């Protein structure tokens, strides 16, 4: 019996070690540290950057499934959304620049006001 217990203990220990190793690998994948997955994402990104929406739409039309067409439509929608957001960003940046210019003008006016002692109540008593 003692030999069986030792063998079972070794088997359990071995299984626990393997399970721990697999858990570590799963944690790495869950954290996005899977090199194969990262390379696949990089390749897909590179492919999409090299091809126009028209090319993708044509390739999708040549496939038998509608999922490709839906994916191309989604990418096209994302490109439109990026263009809209870029335009909105440019508009907000211009508005922000005007606001900063106005703020600087007000700061200069306030400094001039203080420099000329217009805010000195001893010279200009409040009535």
C-alpha atoms as a PDB file:
ATOM      1  CA  UNK A   1       0.000   0.000   0.000  1.00  0.00           C
ATOM      2  CA  UNK A   2       2.778   2.355   0.805  1.00  0.00           C
ATOM      3  CA  UNK A   3       4.206   2.110  -2.742  1.00  0.00           C
ATOM      4  CA  UNK A   4       0.767   2.810  -4.186  1.00  0.00           C
ATOM      5  CA  UNK A   5       0.393   5.895  -2.012  1.00  0.00           C
ATOM      6  CA  UNK A   6       3.790   7.191  -3.106  1.00  0.00           C
ATOM      7  CA  UNK A   7       2.916   6.573  -6.768  1.00  0.00           C
ATOM      8  CA  UNK A   8      -0.462   8.314  -6.365  1.00  0.00           C
ATOM      9  CA  UNK A   9       1.213  11.235  -4.579  1.00  0.00           C
ATOM     10  CA  UNK A  10       3.741  11.534  -7.414  1.00  0.00           C
ATOM     11  CA  UNK A  11       0.933  11.435  -9.982  1.00  0.00           C
ATOM     12  CA  UNK A  12      -1.002  14.111  -8.094  1.00  0.00           C
ATOM     13  CA  UNK A  13       2.135  16.244  -7.789  1.00  0.00           C
ATOM     14  CA  UNK A  14       2.858  15.872 -11.495  1.00  0.00           C
ATOM     15  CA  UNK A  15      -0.733  16.724 -12.427  1.00  0.00           C
ATOM     16  CA  UNK A  16      -0.675  19.748 -10.097  1.00  0.00           C
ATOM     17  CA  UNK A  17       2.535  21.001 -11.710  1.00  0.00           C
ATOM     18  CA  UNK A  18       1.105  20.574 -15.202  1.00  0.00           C
ATOM     19  CA  UNK A  19      -2.111  22.302 -14.147  1.00  0.00           C
ATOM     20  CA  UNK A  20      -0.132  25.192 -12.669  1.00  0.00           C
ATOM     21  CA  UNK A  21       1.901  25.522 -15.876  1.00  0.00           C
ATOM     22  CA  UNK A  22      -1.264  25.529 -17.976  1.00  0.00           C
ATOM     23  CA  UNK A  23      -2.792  28.139 -15.657  1.00  0.00           C
ATOM     24  CA  UNK A  24       0.264  30.341 -16.136  1.00  0.00           C
ATOM     25  CA  UNK A  25      -0.005  30.020 -19.907  1.00  0.00           C
ATOM     26  CA  UNK A  26      -3.710  30.861 -19.794  1.00  0.00           C
ATOM     27  CA  UNK A  27      -2.947  33.918 -17.665  1.00  0.00           C
ATOM     28  CA  UNK A  28      -0.402  35.069 -20.250  1.00  0.00           C
ATOM     29  CA  UNK A  29      -2.981  34.648 -23.031  1.00  0.00           C
ATOM     30  CA  UNK A  30      -5.653  36.431 -21.006  1.00  0.00           C
ATOM     31  CA  UNK A  31      -3.272  39.365 -20.466  1.00  0.00           C
ATOM     32  CA  UNK A  32      -2.621  39.566 -24.219  1.00  0.00           C
ATOM     33  CA  UNK A  33       0.915  38.193 -24.095  1.00  0.00           C
ATOM     34  CA  UNK A  34       0.342  35.525 -26.720  1.00  0.00           C
ATOM     35  CA  UNK A  35       3.009  36.199 -29.381  1.00  0.00           C
ATOM     36  CA  UNK A  36       1.134  34.315 -32.096  1.00  0.00           C
ATOM     37  CA  UNK A  37      -2.028  36.330 -31.461  1.00  0.00           C
ATOM     38  CA  UNK A  38      -0.095  39.610 -31.366  1.00  0.00           C
ATOM     39  CA  UNK A  39       1.575  38.722 -34.682  1.00  0.00           C
ATOM     40  CA  UNK A  40      -1.810  37.885 -36.222  1.00  0.00           C
ATOM     41  CA  UNK A  41      -3.182  41.270 -35.119  1.00  0.00           C
ATOM     42  CA  UNK A  42      -0.123  43.034 -36.563  1.00  0.00           C
ATOM     43  CA  UNK A  43      -0.480  41.191 -39.882  1.00  0.00           C
ATOM     44  CA  UNK A  44      -4.202  41.951 -40.087  1.00  0.00           C
ATOM     45  CA  UNK A  45      -3.568  45.622 -39.315  1.00  0.00           C
ATOM     46  CA  UNK A  46      -0.826  45.793 -41.944  1.00  0.00           C
ATOM     47  CA  UNK A  47      -3.118  44.144 -44.514  1.00  0.00           C
ATOM     48  CA  UNK A  48      -5.964  46.553 -43.786  1.00  0.00           C
ATOM     49  CA  UNK A  49      -3.632  49.560 -44.034  1.00  0.00           C
ATOM     50  CA  UNK A  50      -2.385  48.413 -47.441  1.00  0.00           C
ATOM     51  CA  UNK A  51      -5.798  47.877 -49.033  1.00  0.00           C
ATOM     52  CA  UNK A  52      -8.615  50.287 -49.752  1.00  0.00           C
ATOM     53  CA  UNK A  53     -12.222  49.760 -48.758  1.00  0.00           C
ATOM     54  CA  UNK A  54     -13.043  49.304 -52.445  1.00  0.00           C
ATOM     55  CA  UNK A  55     -10.555  46.418 -52.672  1.00  0.00           C
ATOM     56  CA  UNK A  56     -11.983  44.824 -49.551  1.00  0.00           C
ATOM     57  CA  UNK A  57     -15.543  45.246 -50.823  1.00  0.00           C
ATOM     58  CA  UNK A  58     -14.600  43.643 -54.157  1.00  0.00           C
ATOM     59  CA  UNK A  59     -12.908  40.732 -52.372  1.00  0.00           C
ATOM     60  CA  UNK A  60     -15.944  40.325 -50.113  1.00  0.00           C
ATOM     61  CA  UNK A  61     -18.253  40.236 -53.146  1.00  0.00           C
ATOM     62  CA  UNK A  62     -16.208  37.349 -54.519  1.00  0.00           C
ATOM     63  CA  UNK A  63     -16.745  35.237 -51.395  1.00  0.00           C
ATOM     64  CA  UNK A  64     -19.689  33.002 -50.720  1.00  0.00           C
ATOM     65  CA  UNK A  65     -20.458  34.244 -47.222  1.00  0.00           C
ATOM     66  CA  UNK A  66     -22.186  37.438 -46.219  1.00  0.00           C
ATOM     67  CA  UNK A  67     -20.023  37.794 -43.129  1.00  0.00           C
ATOM     68  CA  UNK A  68     -17.180  39.180 -45.268  1.00  0.00           C
ATOM     69  CA  UNK A  69     -19.510  41.832 -46.695  1.00  0.00           C
ATOM     70  CA  UNK A  70     -20.696  42.714 -43.218  1.00  0.00           C
ATOM     71  CA  UNK A  71     -17.097  43.035 -42.043  1.00  0.00           C
ATOM     72  CA  UNK A  72     -16.223  45.342 -44.961  1.00  0.00           C
ATOM     73  CA  UNK A  73     -19.315  47.443 -44.222  1.00  0.00           C
ATOM     74  CA  UNK A  74     -18.266  47.660 -40.590  1.00  0.00           C
ATOM     75  CA  UNK A  75     -14.724  48.734 -41.524  1.00  0.00           C
ATOM     76  CA  UNK A  76     -16.143  51.311 -43.910  1.00  0.00           C
ATOM     77  CA  UNK A  77     -18.404  52.609 -41.158  1.00  0.00           C
ATOM     78  CA  UNK A  78     -15.429  52.856 -38.837  1.00  0.00           C
ATOM     79  CA  UNK A  79     -13.497  54.842 -41.429  1.00  0.00           C
ATOM     80  CA  UNK A  80     -16.427  57.265 -41.760  1.00  0.00           C
ATOM     81  CA  UNK A  81     -16.621  57.572 -37.983  1.00  0.00           C
ATOM     82  CA  UNK A  82     -12.872  58.247 -37.764  1.00  0.00           C
ATOM     83  CA  UNK A  83     -13.262  61.004 -40.376  1.00  0.00           C
ATOM     84  CA  UNK A  84     -16.186  62.508 -38.426  1.00  0.00           C
ATOM     85  CA  UNK A  85     -14.255  62.396 -35.162  1.00  0.00           C
ATOM     86  CA  UNK A  86     -11.187  63.890 -36.817  1.00  0.00           C
ATOM     87  CA  UNK A  87     -13.284  66.758 -38.137  1.00  0.00           C
ATOM     88  CA  UNK A  88     -14.847  67.285 -34.710  1.00  0.00           C
ATOM     89  CA  UNK A  89     -11.388  67.181 -33.124  1.00  0.00           C
ATOM     90  CA  UNK A  90     -10.136  69.849 -35.540  1.00  0.00           C
ATOM     91  CA  UNK A  91     -13.171  72.032 -34.795  1.00  0.00           C
ATOM     92  CA  UNK A  92     -12.708  71.688 -31.036  1.00  0.00           C
ATOM     93  CA  UNK A  93      -8.976  72.384 -31.325  1.00  0.00           C
ATOM     94  CA  UNK A  94      -9.678  75.613 -33.223  1.00  0.00           C
ATOM     95  CA  UNK A  95     -12.278  76.589 -30.624  1.00  0.00           C
ATOM     96  CA  UNK A  96      -9.850  75.835 -27.821  1.00  0.00           C
ATOM     97  CA  UNK A  97      -7.145  77.941 -29.474  1.00  0.00           C
ATOM     98  CA  UNK A  98      -9.591  80.875 -29.661  1.00  0.00           C
ATOM     99  CA  UNK A  99     -10.448  80.381 -25.993  1.00  0.00           C
ATOM    100  CA  UNK A 100      -6.752  80.413 -25.037  1.00  0.00           C
ATOM    101  CA  UNK A 101      -6.183  83.547 -27.107  1.00  0.00           C
ATOM    102  CA  UNK A 102      -9.101  85.223 -25.335  1.00  0.00           C
ATOM    103  CA  UNK A 103      -7.774  84.103 -21.951  1.00  0.00           C
ATOM    104  CA  UNK A 104      -4.331  85.531 -22.747  1.00  0.00           C
ATOM    105  CA  UNK A 105      -5.960  88.798 -23.810  1.00  0.00           C
ATOM    106  CA  UNK A 106      -7.898  88.951 -20.536  1.00  0.00           C
ATOM    107  CA  UNK A 107      -4.744  88.210 -18.524  1.00  0.00           C
ATOM    108  CA  UNK A 108      -2.887  91.010 -20.324  1.00  0.00           C
ATOM    109  CA  UNK A 109      -5.793  93.400 -19.671  1.00  0.00           C
ATOM    110  CA  UNK A 110      -5.890  92.418 -15.989  1.00  0.00           C
ATOM    111  CA  UNK A 111      -2.112  92.943 -15.695  1.00  0.00           C
ATOM    112  CA  UNK A 112      -2.410  96.353 -17.373  1.00  0.00           C
ATOM    113  CA  UNK A 113      -5.290  97.206 -15.042  1.00  0.00           C
ATOM    114  CA  UNK A 114      -3.199  96.379 -11.972  1.00  0.00           C
ATOM    115  CA  UNK A 115      -0.079  98.063 -13.370  1.00  0.00           C
ATOM    116  CA  UNK A 116      -2.030 101.304 -13.856  1.00  0.00           C
ATOM    117  CA  UNK A 117      -3.456 100.973 -10.337  1.00  0.00           C
ATOM    118  CA  UNK A 118      -7.026 101.098 -11.594  1.00  0.00           C
ATOM    119  CA  UNK A 119      -7.873  98.519  -8.935  1.00  0.00           C
ATOM    120  CA  UNK A 120      -6.413 100.630  -6.085  1.00  0.00           C
ATOM    121  CA  UNK A 121      -9.318 101.653  -3.852  1.00  0.00           C
ATOM    122  CA  UNK A 122      -7.181 104.337  -2.131  1.00  0.00           C
ATOM    123  CA  UNK A 123      -6.878 106.245  -5.425  1.00  0.00           C
ATOM    124  CA  UNK A 124     -10.382 105.488  -6.708  1.00  0.00           C
ATOM    125  CA  UNK A 125     -12.692 105.184  -3.685  1.00  0.00           C
ATOM    126  CA  UNK A 126     -15.776 103.068  -4.115  1.00  0.00           C
ATOM    127  CA  UNK A 127     -19.003 105.076  -3.659  1.00  0.00           C
END
